[in-house]
Amino acid sequence: MALRQFGDLEAVVMDVLWSATEPLTVRHVHGQISQTRQIAYTTVMSTMDNLFRKGWLLRDKVGLAYHYRPTMSREEHSANLMRTVFESGGERELILNFFLEQIGDDESGRLREAFHRLSTGDDA
C-alpha cells in the first residue's frame, strides 16, 4: 500500500472510522458525515469500497451489511507518512532539522520524552 494523504472525502471517512470504537456500516458513516455536509449514501458507499480496495479498510459481512474498520490506527498512518517523507529524498539531517525548527516547546518536550523512553526501554 503506497502511503499518501487521502482525498478530501476519504479523509472524512477515515476520521469517522478512526474515531469509532467498533467497526461501522456505510449507513452509520453516512449518518455521521451528513450531519455536517450534504452527501449521497452511494457516494459514501463508493468511497468506503475504494478505501477497502486500496487496502485502507477491512470489512466483514454481518447479515446484509458490511462492517468496516481501518487497517491501521490514525497514529500508525501518521507515523508511516512521516517515515515516507523522511525517506523521500534530500539530506535526512536537513529534513530533520527543518522539522525540529517548526515544532514548539511542548512538542519538543514530548519528542525528548519519547526518545528517552525508547533509549531506556521504559514503556510508561
PDB file of N, CA and C in Angstrom:
ATOM      1  N   MET A   1       0.853  -1.163   0.000  1.00  0.00           N
ATOM      2  CA  MET A   1       0.000   0.000   0.000  1.00  0.00           C
ATOM      3  C   MET A   1       0.901   1.228   0.000  1.00  0.00           C
ATOM      4  N   ALA A   2       0.798   2.028  -1.035  1.00  0.00           N
ATOM      5  CA  ALA A   2       1.586   3.253  -1.111  1.00  0.00           C
ATOM      6  C   ALA A   2       1.023   4.264  -0.114  1.00  0.00           C
ATOM      7  N   LEU A   3       1.885   4.844   0.666  1.00  0.00           N
ATOM      8  CA  LEU A   3       1.426   5.805   1.658  1.00  0.00           C
ATOM      9  C   LEU A   3       1.295   7.173   1.021  1.00  0.00           C
ATOM     10  N   ARG A   4       0.171   7.774   1.261  1.00  0.00           N
ATOM     11  CA  ARG A   4      -0.097   9.115   0.749  1.00  0.00           C
ATOM     12  C   ARG A   4      -1.200   9.700   1.594  1.00  0.00           C
ATOM     13  N   GLN A   5      -1.430  10.970   1.396  1.00  0.00           N
ATOM     14  CA  GLN A   5      -2.562  11.566   2.078  1.00  0.00           C
ATOM     15  C   GLN A   5      -3.832  11.163   1.344  1.00  0.00           C
ATOM     16  N   PHE A   6      -4.930  11.182   2.060  1.00  0.00           N
ATOM     17  CA  PHE A   6      -6.212  10.815   1.478  1.00  0.00           C
ATOM     18  C   PHE A   6      -6.810  11.987   0.726  1.00  0.00           C
ATOM     19  N   GLY A   7      -7.738  11.681  -0.189  1.00  0.00           N
ATOM     20  CA  GLY A   7      -8.551  12.717  -0.796  1.00  0.00           C
ATOM     21  C   GLY A   7      -9.470  13.295   0.274  1.00  0.00           C
ATOM     22  N   ASP A   8     -10.166  14.395  -0.051  1.00  0.00           N
ATOM     23  CA  ASP A   8     -10.993  15.078   0.949  1.00  0.00           C
ATOM     24  C   ASP A   8     -12.032  14.156   1.587  1.00  0.00           C
ATOM     25  N   LEU A   9     -12.840  13.486   0.772  1.00  0.00           N
ATOM     26  CA  LEU A   9     -13.882  12.620   1.327  1.00  0.00           C
ATOM     27  C   LEU A   9     -13.282  11.390   1.988  1.00  0.00           C
ATOM     28  N   GLU A  10     -12.215  10.849   1.418  1.00  0.00           N
ATOM     29  CA  GLU A  10     -11.551   9.711   2.048  1.00  0.00           C
ATOM     30  C   GLU A  10     -11.080  10.080   3.455  1.00  0.00           C
ATOM     31  N   ALA A  11     -10.528  11.274   3.608  1.00  0.00           N
ATOM     32  CA  ALA A  11     -10.045  11.720   4.919  1.00  0.00           C
ATOM     33  C   ALA A  11     -11.196  11.843   5.910  1.00  0.00           C
ATOM     34  N   VAL A  12     -12.341  12.329   5.461  1.00  0.00           N
ATOM     35  CA  VAL A  12     -13.507  12.460   6.338  1.00  0.00           C
ATOM     36  C   VAL A  12     -13.987  11.072   6.775  1.00  0.00           C
ATOM     37  N   VAL A  13     -14.067  10.142   5.830  1.00  0.00           N
ATOM     38  CA  VAL A  13     -14.495   8.772   6.139  1.00  0.00           C
ATOM     39  C   VAL A  13     -13.519   8.128   7.126  1.00  0.00           C
ATOM     40  N   MET A  14     -12.228   8.266   6.855  1.00  0.00           N
ATOM     41  CA  MET A  14     -11.234   7.675   7.748  1.00  0.00           C
ATOM     42  C   MET A  14     -11.320   8.295   9.142  1.00  0.00           C
ATOM     43  N   ASP A  15     -11.569   9.583   9.215  1.00  0.00           N
ATOM     44  CA  ASP A  15     -11.691  10.247  10.515  1.00  0.00           C
ATOM     45  C   ASP A  15     -12.852   9.663  11.310  1.00  0.00           C
ATOM     46  N   VAL A  16     -13.982   9.429  10.647  1.00  0.00           N
ATOM     47  CA  VAL A  16     -15.139   8.819  11.326  1.00  0.00           C
ATOM     48  C   VAL A  16     -14.771   7.425  11.828  1.00  0.00           C
ATOM     49  N   LEU A  17     -14.127   6.639  10.972  1.00  0.00           N
ATOM     50  CA  LEU A  17     -13.780   5.271  11.357  1.00  0.00           C
ATOM     51  C   LEU A  17     -12.709   5.239  12.439  1.00  0.00           C
ATOM     52  N   TRP A  18     -11.725   6.131  12.367  1.00  0.00           N
ATOM     53  CA  TRP A  18     -10.690   6.184  13.405  1.00  0.00           C
ATOM     54  C   TRP A  18     -11.268   6.619  14.744  1.00  0.00           C
ATOM     55  N   SER A  19     -12.318   7.408  14.726  1.00  0.00           N
ATOM     56  CA  SER A  19     -12.934   7.880  15.972  1.00  0.00           C
ATOM     57  C   SER A  19     -13.856   6.840  16.599  1.00  0.00           C
ATOM     58  N   ALA A  20     -14.198   5.824  15.849  1.00  0.00           N
ATOM     59  CA  ALA A  20     -15.126   4.796  16.323  1.00  0.00           C
ATOM     60  C   ALA A  20     -14.407   3.768  17.188  1.00  0.00           C
ATOM     61  N   THR A  21     -15.155   3.157  18.079  1.00  0.00           N
ATOM     62  CA  THR A  21     -14.590   2.111  18.936  1.00  0.00           C
ATOM     63  C   THR A  21     -14.899   0.714  18.416  1.00  0.00           C
ATOM     64  N   GLU A  22     -15.684   0.651  17.341  1.00  0.00           N
ATOM     65  CA  GLU A  22     -16.051  -0.639  16.750  1.00  0.00           C
ATOM     66  C   GLU A  22     -16.253  -0.436  15.246  1.00  0.00           C
ATOM     67  N   PRO A  23     -16.258  -1.525  14.473  1.00  0.00           N
ATOM     68  CA  PRO A  23     -16.482  -1.392  13.034  1.00  0.00           C
ATOM     69  C   PRO A  23     -17.840  -0.746  12.751  1.00  0.00           C
ATOM     70  N   LEU A  24     -17.904   0.004  11.651  1.00  0.00           N
ATOM     71  CA  LEU A  24     -19.115   0.740  11.293  1.00  0.00           C
ATOM     72  C   LEU A  24     -19.622   0.354   9.916  1.00  0.00           C
ATOM     73  N   THR A  25     -20.927   0.480   9.738  1.00  0.00           N
ATOM     74  CA  THR A  25     -21.543   0.261   8.435  1.00  0.00           C
ATOM     75  C   THR A  25     -21.492   1.557   7.626  1.00  0.00           C
ATOM     76  N   VAL A  26     -21.734   1.423   6.331  1.00  0.00           N
ATOM     77  CA  VAL A  26     -21.816   2.601   5.467  1.00  0.00           C
ATOM     78  C   VAL A  26     -22.923   3.521   5.975  1.00  0.00           C
ATOM     79  N   ARG A  27     -24.042   2.949   6.382  1.00  0.00           N
ATOM     80  CA  ARG A  27     -25.168   3.748   6.874  1.00  0.00           C
ATOM     81  C   ARG A  27     -24.746   4.620   8.067  1.00  0.00           C
ATOM     82  N   HIS A  28     -23.993   4.041   8.977  1.00  0.00           N
ATOM     83  CA  HIS A  28     -23.553   4.803  10.141  1.00  0.00           C
ATOM     84  C   HIS A  28     -22.587   5.922   9.728  1.00  0.00           C
ATOM     85  N   VAL A  29     -21.627   5.604   8.876  1.00  0.00           N
ATOM     86  CA  VAL A  29     -20.659   6.613   8.429  1.00  0.00           C
ATOM     87  C   VAL A  29     -21.382   7.721   7.669  1.00  0.00           C
ATOM     88  N   HIS A  30     -22.323   7.335   6.811  1.00  0.00           N
ATOM     89  CA  HIS A  30     -23.113   8.337   6.071  1.00  0.00           C
ATOM     90  C   HIS A  30     -23.866   9.231   7.043  1.00  0.00           C
ATOM     91  N   GLY A  31     -24.462   8.638   8.067  1.00  0.00           N
ATOM     92  CA  GLY A  31     -25.195   9.417   9.066  1.00  0.00           C
ATOM     93  C   GLY A  31     -24.310  10.423   9.775  1.00  0.00           C
ATOM     94  N   GLN A  32     -23.093  10.017  10.096  1.00  0.00           N
ATOM     95  CA  GLN A  32     -22.142  10.927  10.756  1.00  0.00           C
ATOM     96  C   GLN A  32     -21.759  12.081   9.820  1.00  0.00           C
ATOM     97  N   ILE A  33     -21.405  11.749   8.592  1.00  0.00           N
ATOM     98  CA  ILE A  33     -20.942  12.770   7.648  1.00  0.00           C
ATOM     99  C   ILE A  33     -22.069  13.712   7.249  1.00  0.00           C
ATOM    100  N   SER A  34     -23.270  13.173   7.081  1.00  0.00           N
ATOM    101  CA  SER A  34     -24.389  14.002   6.619  1.00  0.00           C
ATOM    102  C   SER A  34     -24.860  15.011   7.665  1.00  0.00           C
ATOM    103  N   GLN A  35     -24.341  14.926   8.888  1.00  0.00           N
ATOM    104  CA  GLN A  35     -24.663  15.937   9.896  1.00  0.00           C
ATOM    105  C   GLN A  35     -24.000  17.271   9.575  1.00  0.00           C
ATOM    106  N   THR A  36     -22.904  17.235   8.831  1.00  0.00           N
ATOM    107  CA  THR A  36     -22.170  18.465   8.540  1.00  0.00           C
ATOM    108  C   THR A  36     -22.103  18.821   7.061  1.00  0.00           C
ATOM    109  N   ARG A  37     -22.512  17.894   6.194  1.00  0.00           N
ATOM    110  CA  ARG A  37     -22.497  18.187   4.761  1.00  0.00           C
ATOM    111  C   ARG A  37     -23.517  17.327   4.049  1.00  0.00           C
ATOM    112  N   GLN A  38     -24.022  17.843   2.952  1.00  0.00           N
ATOM    113  CA  GLN A  38     -24.992  17.096   2.162  1.00  0.00           C
ATOM    114  C   GLN A  38     -24.224  16.147   1.252  1.00  0.00           C
ATOM    115  N   ILE A  39     -24.516  14.852   1.389  1.00  0.00           N
ATOM    116  CA  ILE A  39     -23.785  13.852   0.627  1.00  0.00           C
ATOM    117  C   ILE A  39     -24.672  12.633   0.408  1.00  0.00           C
ATOM    118  N   ALA A  40     -24.572  12.040  -0.757  1.00  0.00           N
ATOM    119  CA  ALA A  40     -25.379  10.870  -1.092  1.00  0.00           C
ATOM    120  C   ALA A  40     -24.820   9.628  -0.402  1.00  0.00           C
ATOM    121  N   TYR A  41     -25.721   8.764  -0.003  1.00  0.00           N
ATOM    122  CA  TYR A  41     -25.340   7.491   0.613  1.00  0.00           C
ATOM    123  C   TYR A  41     -24.420   6.717  -0.322  1.00  0.00           C
ATOM    124  N   THR A  42     -24.756   6.692  -1.617  1.00  0.00           N
ATOM    125  CA  THR A  42     -23.959   5.920  -2.577  1.00  0.00           C
ATOM    126  C   THR A  42     -22.548   6.486  -2.739  1.00  0.00           C
ATOM    127  N   THR A  43     -22.386   7.771  -2.523  1.00  0.00           N
ATOM    128  CA  THR A  43     -21.050   8.373  -2.597  1.00  0.00           C
ATOM    129  C   THR A  43     -20.192   7.868  -1.445  1.00  0.00           C
ATOM    130  N   VAL A  44     -20.769   7.821  -0.254  1.00  0.00           N
ATOM    131  CA  VAL A  44     -20.047   7.297   0.908  1.00  0.00           C
ATOM    132  C   VAL A  44     -19.744   5.821   0.696  1.00  0.00           C
ATOM    133  N   MET A  45     -20.708   5.070   0.181  1.00  0.00           N
ATOM    134  CA  MET A  45     -20.520   3.648  -0.070  1.00  0.00           C
ATOM    135  C   MET A  45     -19.384   3.415  -1.070  1.00  0.00           C
ATOM    136  N   SER A  46     -19.360   4.180  -2.147  1.00  0.00           N
ATOM    137  CA  SER A  46     -18.295   4.042  -3.151  1.00  0.00           C
ATOM    138  C   SER A  46     -16.936   4.398  -2.567  1.00  0.00           C
ATOM    139  N   THR A  47     -16.904   5.445  -1.775  1.00  0.00           N
ATOM    140  CA  THR A  47     -15.647   5.869  -1.153  1.00  0.00           C
ATOM    141  C   THR A  47     -15.117   4.795  -0.216  1.00  0.00           C
ATOM    142  N   MET A  48     -15.999   4.210   0.588  1.00  0.00           N
ATOM    143  CA  MET A  48     -15.572   3.163   1.515  1.00  0.00           C
ATOM    144  C   MET A  48     -15.142   1.915   0.765  1.00  0.00           C
ATOM    145  N   ASP A  49     -15.818   1.584  -0.320  1.00  0.00           N
ATOM    146  CA  ASP A  49     -15.411   0.442  -1.136  1.00  0.00           C
ATOM    147  C   ASP A  49     -14.032   0.705  -1.756  1.00  0.00           C
ATOM    148  N   ASN A  50     -13.804   1.929  -2.222  1.00  0.00           N
ATOM    149  CA  ASN A  50     -12.494   2.284  -2.773  1.00  0.00           C
ATOM    150  C   ASN A  50     -11.395   2.169  -1.712  1.00  0.00           C
ATOM    151  N   LEU A  51     -11.678   2.656  -0.514  1.00  0.00           N
ATOM    152  CA  LEU A  51     -10.697   2.553   0.572  1.00  0.00           C
ATOM    153  C   LEU A  51     -10.419   1.088   0.919  1.00  0.00           C
ATOM    154  N   PHE A  52     -11.441   0.241   0.837  1.00  0.00           N
ATOM    155  CA  PHE A  52     -11.255  -1.191   1.063  1.00  0.00           C
ATOM    156  C   PHE A  52     -10.351  -1.782  -0.025  1.00  0.00           C
ATOM    157  N   ARG A  53     -10.639  -1.461  -1.283  1.00  0.00           N
ATOM    158  CA  ARG A  53      -9.842  -2.000  -2.395  1.00  0.00           C
ATOM    159  C   ARG A  53      -8.402  -1.485  -2.369  1.00  0.00           C
ATOM    160  N   LYS A  54      -8.184  -0.296  -1.828  1.00  0.00           N
ATOM    161  CA  LYS A  54      -6.832   0.266  -1.720  1.00  0.00           C
ATOM    162  C   LYS A  54      -6.072  -0.300  -0.517  1.00  0.00           C
ATOM    163  N   GLY A  55      -6.765  -1.046   0.342  1.00  0.00           N
ATOM    164  CA  GLY A  55      -6.110  -1.652   1.497  1.00  0.00           C
ATOM    165  C   GLY A  55      -6.150  -0.829   2.768  1.00  0.00           C
ATOM    166  N   TRP A  56      -6.927   0.245   2.795  1.00  0.00           N
ATOM    167  CA  TRP A  56      -7.016   1.085   3.996  1.00  0.00           C
ATOM    168  C   TRP A  56      -8.064   0.588   4.976  1.00  0.00           C
ATOM    169  N   LEU A  57      -9.044  -0.171   4.474  1.00  0.00           N
ATOM    170  CA  LEU A  57     -10.121  -0.674   5.329  1.00  0.00           C
ATOM    171  C   LEU A  57     -10.231  -2.181   5.207  1.00  0.00           C
ATOM    172  N   LEU A  58     -10.665  -2.807   6.289  1.00  0.00           N
ATOM    173  CA  LEU A  58     -11.071  -4.205   6.299  1.00  0.00           C
ATOM    174  C   LEU A  58     -12.581  -4.210   6.434  1.00  0.00           C
ATOM    175  N   ARG A  59     -13.230  -5.261   5.943  1.00  0.00           N
ATOM    176  CA  ARG A  59     -14.681  -5.337   6.102  1.00  0.00           C
ATOM    177  C   ARG A  59     -15.108  -6.774   6.335  1.00  0.00           C
ATOM    178  N   ASP A  60     -16.155  -6.904   7.118  1.00  0.00           N
ATOM    179  CA  ASP A  60     -16.760  -8.201   7.416  1.00  0.00           C
ATOM    180  C   ASP A  60     -18.241  -8.084   7.135  1.00  0.00           C
ATOM    181  N   LYS A  61     -18.789  -9.084   6.486  1.00  0.00           N
ATOM    182  CA  LYS A  61     -20.217  -9.080   6.217  1.00  0.00           C
ATOM    183  C   LYS A  61     -20.953  -9.597   7.447  1.00  0.00           C
ATOM    184  N   VAL A  62     -21.847  -8.773   7.955  1.00  0.00           N
ATOM    185  CA  VAL A  62     -22.672  -9.129   9.104  1.00  0.00           C
ATOM    186  C   VAL A  62     -24.114  -8.970   8.647  1.00  0.00           C
ATOM    187  N   GLY A  63     -24.796 -10.087   8.469  1.00  0.00           N
ATOM    188  CA  GLY A  63     -26.144 -10.029   7.892  1.00  0.00           C
ATOM    189  C   GLY A  63     -26.046  -9.564   6.453  1.00  0.00           C
ATOM    190  N   LEU A  64     -26.741  -8.498   6.127  1.00  0.00           N
ATOM    191  CA  LEU A  64     -26.726  -7.978   4.763  1.00  0.00           C
ATOM    192  C   LEU A  64     -25.736  -6.832   4.566  1.00  0.00           C
ATOM    193  N   ALA A  65     -25.149  -6.349   5.652  1.00  0.00           N
ATOM    194  CA  ALA A  65     -24.292  -5.156   5.566  1.00  0.00           C
ATOM    195  C   ALA A  65     -22.837  -5.485   5.880  1.00  0.00           C
ATOM    196  N   TYR A  66     -21.958  -4.734   5.262  1.00  0.00           N
ATOM    197  CA  TYR A  66     -20.539  -4.806   5.608  1.00  0.00           C
ATOM    198  C   TYR A  66     -20.261  -3.890   6.789  1.00  0.00           C
ATOM    199  N   HIS A  67     -19.402  -4.346   7.660  1.00  0.00           N
ATOM    200  CA  HIS A  67     -18.909  -3.548   8.778  1.00  0.00           C
ATOM    201  C   HIS A  67     -17.435  -3.277   8.500  1.00  0.00           C
ATOM    202  N   TYR A  68     -17.069  -1.994   8.444  1.00  0.00           N
ATOM    203  CA  TYR A  68     -15.726  -1.572   8.059  1.00  0.00           C
ATOM    204  C   TYR A  68     -14.916  -1.122   9.261  1.00  0.00           C
ATOM    205  N   ARG A  69     -13.596  -1.372   9.194  1.00  0.00           N
ATOM    206  CA  ARG A  69     -12.660  -0.886  10.205  1.00  0.00           C
ATOM    207  C   ARG A  69     -11.330  -0.590   9.512  1.00  0.00           C
ATOM    208  N   PRO A  70     -10.586   0.370  10.028  1.00  0.00           N
ATOM    209  CA  PRO A  70      -9.292   0.724   9.419  1.00  0.00           C
ATOM    210  C   PRO A  70      -8.264  -0.397   9.583  1.00  0.00           C
ATOM    211  N   THR A  71      -7.345  -0.487   8.637  1.00  0.00           N
ATOM    212  CA  THR A  71      -6.272  -1.481   8.731  1.00  0.00           C
ATOM    213  C   THR A  71      -5.162  -1.021   9.663  1.00  0.00           C
ATOM    214  N   MET A  72      -5.110   0.273   9.965  1.00  0.00           N
ATOM    215  CA  MET A  72      -4.125   0.805  10.909  1.00  0.00           C
ATOM    216  C   MET A  72      -4.729   1.993  11.633  1.00  0.00           C
ATOM    217  N   SER A  73      -4.178   2.293  12.778  1.00  0.00           N
ATOM    218  CA  SER A  73      -4.675   3.428  13.555  1.00  0.00           C
ATOM    219  C   SER A  73      -4.261   4.738  12.889  1.00  0.00           C
ATOM    220  N   ARG A  74      -4.904   5.807  13.303  1.00  0.00           N
ATOM    221  CA  ARG A  74      -4.546   7.144  12.815  1.00  0.00           C
ATOM    222  C   ARG A  74      -3.071   7.428  13.101  1.00  0.00           C
ATOM    223  N   GLU A  75      -2.618   7.035  14.298  1.00  0.00           N
ATOM    224  CA  GLU A  75      -1.242   7.285  14.697  1.00  0.00           C
ATOM    225  C   GLU A  75      -0.257   6.471  13.863  1.00  0.00           C
ATOM    226  N   GLU A  76      -0.598   5.210  13.577  1.00  0.00           N
ATOM    227  CA  GLU A  76       0.262   4.390  12.714  1.00  0.00           C
ATOM    228  C   GLU A  76       0.356   4.989  11.315  1.00  0.00           C
ATOM    229  N   HIS A  77      -0.777   5.443  10.802  1.00  0.00           N
ATOM    230  CA  HIS A  77      -0.787   6.072   9.481  1.00  0.00           C
ATOM    231  C   HIS A  77       0.079   7.332   9.473  1.00  0.00           C
ATOM    232  N   SER A  78      -0.069   8.166  10.496  1.00  0.00           N
ATOM    233  CA  SER A  78       0.724   9.397  10.577  1.00  0.00           C
ATOM    234  C   SER A  78       2.213   9.083  10.670  1.00  0.00           C
ATOM    235  N   ALA A  79       2.563   8.090  11.471  1.00  0.00           N
ATOM    236  CA  ALA A  79       3.973   7.706  11.606  1.00  0.00           C
ATOM    237  C   ALA A  79       4.524   7.196  10.281  1.00  0.00           C
ATOM    238  N   ASN A  80       3.727   6.419   9.558  1.00  0.00           N
ATOM    239  CA  ASN A  80       4.163   5.916   8.251  1.00  0.00           C
ATOM    240  C   ASN A  80       4.332   7.044   7.245  1.00  0.00           C
ATOM    241  N   LEU A  81       3.438   8.029   7.293  1.00  0.00           N
ATOM    242  CA  LEU A  81       3.587   9.195   6.415  1.00  0.00           C
ATOM    243  C   LEU A  81       4.872   9.952   6.741  1.00  0.00           C
ATOM    244  N   MET A  82       5.134  10.128   8.036  1.00  0.00           N
ATOM    245  CA  MET A  82       6.354  10.826   8.439  1.00  0.00           C
ATOM    246  C   MET A  82       7.586  10.067   7.939  1.00  0.00           C
ATOM    247  N   ARG A  83       7.573   8.762   8.070  1.00  0.00           N
ATOM    248  CA  ARG A  83       8.704   7.939   7.612  1.00  0.00           C
ATOM    249  C   ARG A  83       8.863   8.049   6.097  1.00  0.00           C
ATOM    250  N   THR A  84       7.755   8.031   5.365  1.00  0.00           N
ATOM    251  CA  THR A  84       7.808   8.151   3.911  1.00  0.00           C
ATOM    252  C   THR A  84       8.404   9.486   3.499  1.00  0.00           C
ATOM    253  N   VAL A  85       7.990  10.555   4.162  1.00  0.00           N
ATOM    254  CA  VAL A  85       8.530  11.881   3.861  1.00  0.00           C
ATOM    255  C   VAL A  85      10.019  11.910   4.184  1.00  0.00           C
ATOM    256  N   PHE A  86      10.403  11.344   5.305  1.00  0.00           N
ATOM    257  CA  PHE A  86      11.794  11.326   5.723  1.00  0.00           C
ATOM    258  C   PHE A  86      12.666  10.593   4.706  1.00  0.00           C
ATOM    259  N   GLU A  87      12.107   9.553   4.080  1.00  0.00           N
ATOM    260  CA  GLU A  87      12.861   8.748   3.118  1.00  0.00           C
ATOM    261  C   GLU A  87      12.671   9.199   1.674  1.00  0.00           C
ATOM    262  N   SER A  88      11.924  10.268   1.452  1.00  0.00           N
ATOM    263  CA  SER A  88      11.560  10.659   0.084  1.00  0.00           C
ATOM    264  C   SER A  88      12.689  11.305  -0.700  1.00  0.00           C
ATOM    265  N   GLY A  89      13.757  11.594  -0.072  1.00  0.00           N
ATOM    266  CA  GLY A  89      14.880  12.194  -0.774  1.00  0.00           C
ATOM    267  C   GLY A  89      15.358  13.420  -0.041  1.00  0.00           C
ATOM    268  N   GLY A  90      16.475  13.886  -0.461  1.00  0.00           N
ATOM    269  CA  GLY A  90      17.058  15.021   0.225  1.00  0.00           C
ATOM    270  C   GLY A  90      17.934  14.548   1.358  1.00  0.00           C
ATOM    271  N   GLU A  91      18.612  15.469   1.946  1.00  0.00           N
ATOM    272  CA  GLU A  91      19.529  15.157   3.029  1.00  0.00           C
ATOM    273  C   GLU A  91      18.734  14.964   4.316  1.00  0.00           C
ATOM    274  N   ARG A  92      18.778  13.777   4.865  1.00  0.00           N
ATOM    275  CA  ARG A  92      17.966  13.436   6.039  1.00  0.00           C
ATOM    276  C   ARG A  92      18.204  14.372   7.208  1.00  0.00           C
ATOM    277  N   GLU A  93      19.450  14.733   7.443  1.00  0.00           N
ATOM    278  CA  GLU A  93      19.747  15.623   8.569  1.00  0.00           C
ATOM    279  C   GLU A  93      19.081  16.985   8.383  1.00  0.00           C
ATOM    280  N   LEU A  94      19.085  17.498   7.165  1.00  0.00           N
ATOM    281  CA  LEU A  94      18.420  18.779   6.894  1.00  0.00           C
ATOM    282  C   LEU A  94      16.913  18.667   7.056  1.00  0.00           C
ATOM    283  N   ILE A  95      16.346  17.574   6.559  1.00  0.00           N
ATOM    284  CA  ILE A  95      14.906  17.355   6.709  1.00  0.00           C
ATOM    285  C   ILE A  95      14.544  17.358   8.191  1.00  0.00           C
ATOM    286  N   LEU A  96      15.301  16.626   8.982  1.00  0.00           N
ATOM    287  CA  LEU A  96      15.041  16.551  10.415  1.00  0.00           C
ATOM    288  C   LEU A  96      15.234  17.914  11.077  1.00  0.00           C
ATOM    289  N   ASN A  97      16.266  18.639  10.702  1.00  0.00           N
ATOM    290  CA  ASN A  97      16.485  19.980  11.266  1.00  0.00           C
ATOM    291  C   ASN A  97      15.326  20.916  10.949  1.00  0.00           C
ATOM    292  N   PHE A  98      14.857  20.920   9.693  1.00  0.00           N
ATOM    293  CA  PHE A  98      13.727  21.779   9.322  1.00  0.00           C
ATOM    294  C   PHE A  98      12.484  21.405  10.119  1.00  0.00           C
ATOM    295  N   PHE A  99      12.267  20.109  10.305  1.00  0.00           N
ATOM    296  CA  PHE A  99      11.125  19.657  11.100  1.00  0.00           C
ATOM    297  C   PHE A  99      11.239  20.163  12.538  1.00  0.00           C
ATOM    298  N   LEU A 100      12.400  19.972  13.136  1.00  0.00           N
ATOM    299  CA  LEU A 100      12.597  20.371  14.530  1.00  0.00           C
ATOM    300  C   LEU A 100      12.460  21.870  14.728  1.00  0.00           C
ATOM    301  N   GLU A 101      12.837  22.663  13.715  1.00  0.00           N
ATOM    302  CA  GLU A 101      12.690  24.112  13.806  1.00  0.00           C
ATOM    303  C   GLU A 101      11.222  24.541  13.809  1.00  0.00           C
ATOM    304  N   GLN A 102      10.336  23.688  13.278  1.00  0.00           N
ATOM    305  CA  GLN A 102       8.927  24.040  13.149  1.00  0.00           C
ATOM    306  C   GLN A 102       8.085  23.639  14.349  1.00  0.00           C
ATOM    307  N   ILE A 103       8.593  22.770  15.215  1.00  0.00           N
ATOM    308  CA  ILE A 103       7.773  22.329  16.340  1.00  0.00           C
ATOM    309  C   ILE A 103       7.985  23.244  17.538  1.00  0.00           C
ATOM    310  N   GLY A 104       6.985  23.319  18.372  1.00  0.00           N
ATOM    311  CA  GLY A 104       7.032  24.181  19.553  1.00  0.00           C
ATOM    312  C   GLY A 104       7.716  23.511  20.728  1.00  0.00           C
ATOM    313  N   ASP A 105       7.815  24.248  21.808  1.00  0.00           N
ATOM    314  CA  ASP A 105       8.477  23.747  23.019  1.00  0.00           C
ATOM    315  C   ASP A 105       7.761  22.522  23.590  1.00  0.00           C
ATOM    316  N   ASP A 106       6.423  22.557  23.605  1.00  0.00           N
ATOM    317  CA  ASP A 106       5.657  21.436  24.150  1.00  0.00           C
ATOM    318  C   ASP A 106       5.908  20.167  23.332  1.00  0.00           C
ATOM    319  N   GLU A 107       5.853  20.301  21.990  1.00  0.00           N
ATOM    320  CA  GLU A 107       6.101  19.146  21.121  1.00  0.00           C
ATOM    321  C   GLU A 107       7.538  18.674  21.246  1.00  0.00           C
ATOM    322  N   SER A 108       8.454  19.614  21.386  1.00  0.00           N
ATOM    323  CA  SER A 108       9.858  19.275  21.554  1.00  0.00           C
ATOM    324  C   SER A 108      10.066  18.469  22.838  1.00  0.00           C
ATOM    325  N   GLY A 109       9.391  18.883  23.908  1.00  0.00           N
ATOM    326  CA  GLY A 109       9.478  18.153  25.174  1.00  0.00           C
ATOM    327  C   GLY A 109       8.941  16.737  25.049  1.00  0.00           C
ATOM    328  N   ARG A 110       7.832  16.588  24.352  1.00  0.00           N
ATOM    329  CA  ARG A 110       7.255  15.247  24.142  1.00  0.00           C
ATOM    330  C   ARG A 110       8.198  14.374  23.321  1.00  0.00           C
ATOM    331  N   LEU A 111       8.843  14.987  22.336  1.00  0.00           N
ATOM    332  CA  LEU A 111       9.791  14.252  21.500  1.00  0.00           C
ATOM    333  C   LEU A 111      10.981  13.774  22.328  1.00  0.00           C
ATOM    334  N   ARG A 112      11.504  14.648  23.198  1.00  0.00           N
ATOM    335  CA  ARG A 112      12.608  14.260  24.082  1.00  0.00           C
ATOM    336  C   ARG A 112      12.180  13.114  25.004  1.00  0.00           C
ATOM    337  N   GLU A 113      10.960  13.195  25.545  1.00  0.00           N
ATOM    338  CA  GLU A 113      10.457  12.128  26.421  1.00  0.00           C
ATOM    339  C   GLU A 113      10.350  10.803  25.660  1.00  0.00           C
ATOM    340  N   ALA A 114       9.872  10.861  24.425  1.00  0.00           N
ATOM    341  CA  ALA A 114       9.749   9.645  23.615  1.00  0.00           C
ATOM    342  C   ALA A 114      11.122   9.029  23.342  1.00  0.00           C
ATOM    343  N   PHE A 115      12.095   9.867  22.999  1.00  0.00           N
ATOM    344  CA  PHE A 115      13.461   9.364  22.789  1.00  0.00           C
ATOM    345  C   PHE A 115      14.016   8.741  24.061  1.00  0.00           C
ATOM    346  N   HIS A 116      13.750   9.376  25.187  1.00  0.00           N
ATOM    347  CA  HIS A 116      14.232   8.851  26.466  1.00  0.00           C
ATOM    348  C   HIS A 116      13.607   7.481  26.743  1.00  0.00           C
ATOM    349  N   ARG A 117      12.291   7.371  26.532  1.00  0.00           N
ATOM    350  CA  ARG A 117      11.621   6.076  26.758  1.00  0.00           C
ATOM    351  C   ARG A 117      12.192   5.005  25.844  1.00  0.00           C
ATOM    352  N   LEU A 118      12.427   5.353  24.581  1.00  0.00           N
ATOM    353  CA  LEU A 118      12.976   4.373  23.644  1.00  0.00           C
ATOM    354  C   LEU A 118      14.388   3.962  24.034  1.00  0.00           C
ATOM    355  N   SER A 119      15.187   4.911  24.467  1.00  0.00           N
ATOM    356  CA  SER A 119      16.589   4.593  24.790  1.00  0.00           C
ATOM    357  C   SER A 119      16.710   3.811  26.096  1.00  0.00           C
ATOM    358  N   THR A 120      15.769   3.990  27.026  1.00  0.00           N
ATOM    359  CA  THR A 120      15.832   3.278  28.295  1.00  0.00           C
ATOM    360  C   THR A 120      14.958   2.034  28.313  1.00  0.00           C
ATOM    361  N   GLY A 121      14.118   1.883  27.302  1.00  0.00           N
ATOM    362  CA  GLY A 121      13.214   0.731  27.266  1.00  0.00           C
ATOM    363  C   GLY A 121      12.048   0.862  28.211  1.00  0.00           C
ATOM    364  N   ASP A 122      11.784   2.079  28.683  1.00  0.00           N
ATOM    365  CA  ASP A 122      10.704   2.336  29.636  1.00  0.00           C
ATOM    366  C   ASP A 122       9.418   2.629  28.848  1.00  0.00           C
ATOM    367  N   ASP A 123       8.406   1.781  28.999  1.00  0.00           N
ATOM    368  CA  ASP A 123       7.148   1.932  28.267  1.00  0.00           C
ATOM    369  C   ASP A 123       6.154   2.822  28.995  1.00  0.00           C
ATOM    370  N   ALA A 124       6.437   3.262  30.176  1.00  0.00           N
ATOM    371  CA  ALA A 124       5.477   4.044  30.968  1.00  0.00           C
ATOM    372  C   ALA A 124       5.267   5.414  30.417  1.00  0.00           C
TER     373      ALA A 124
END
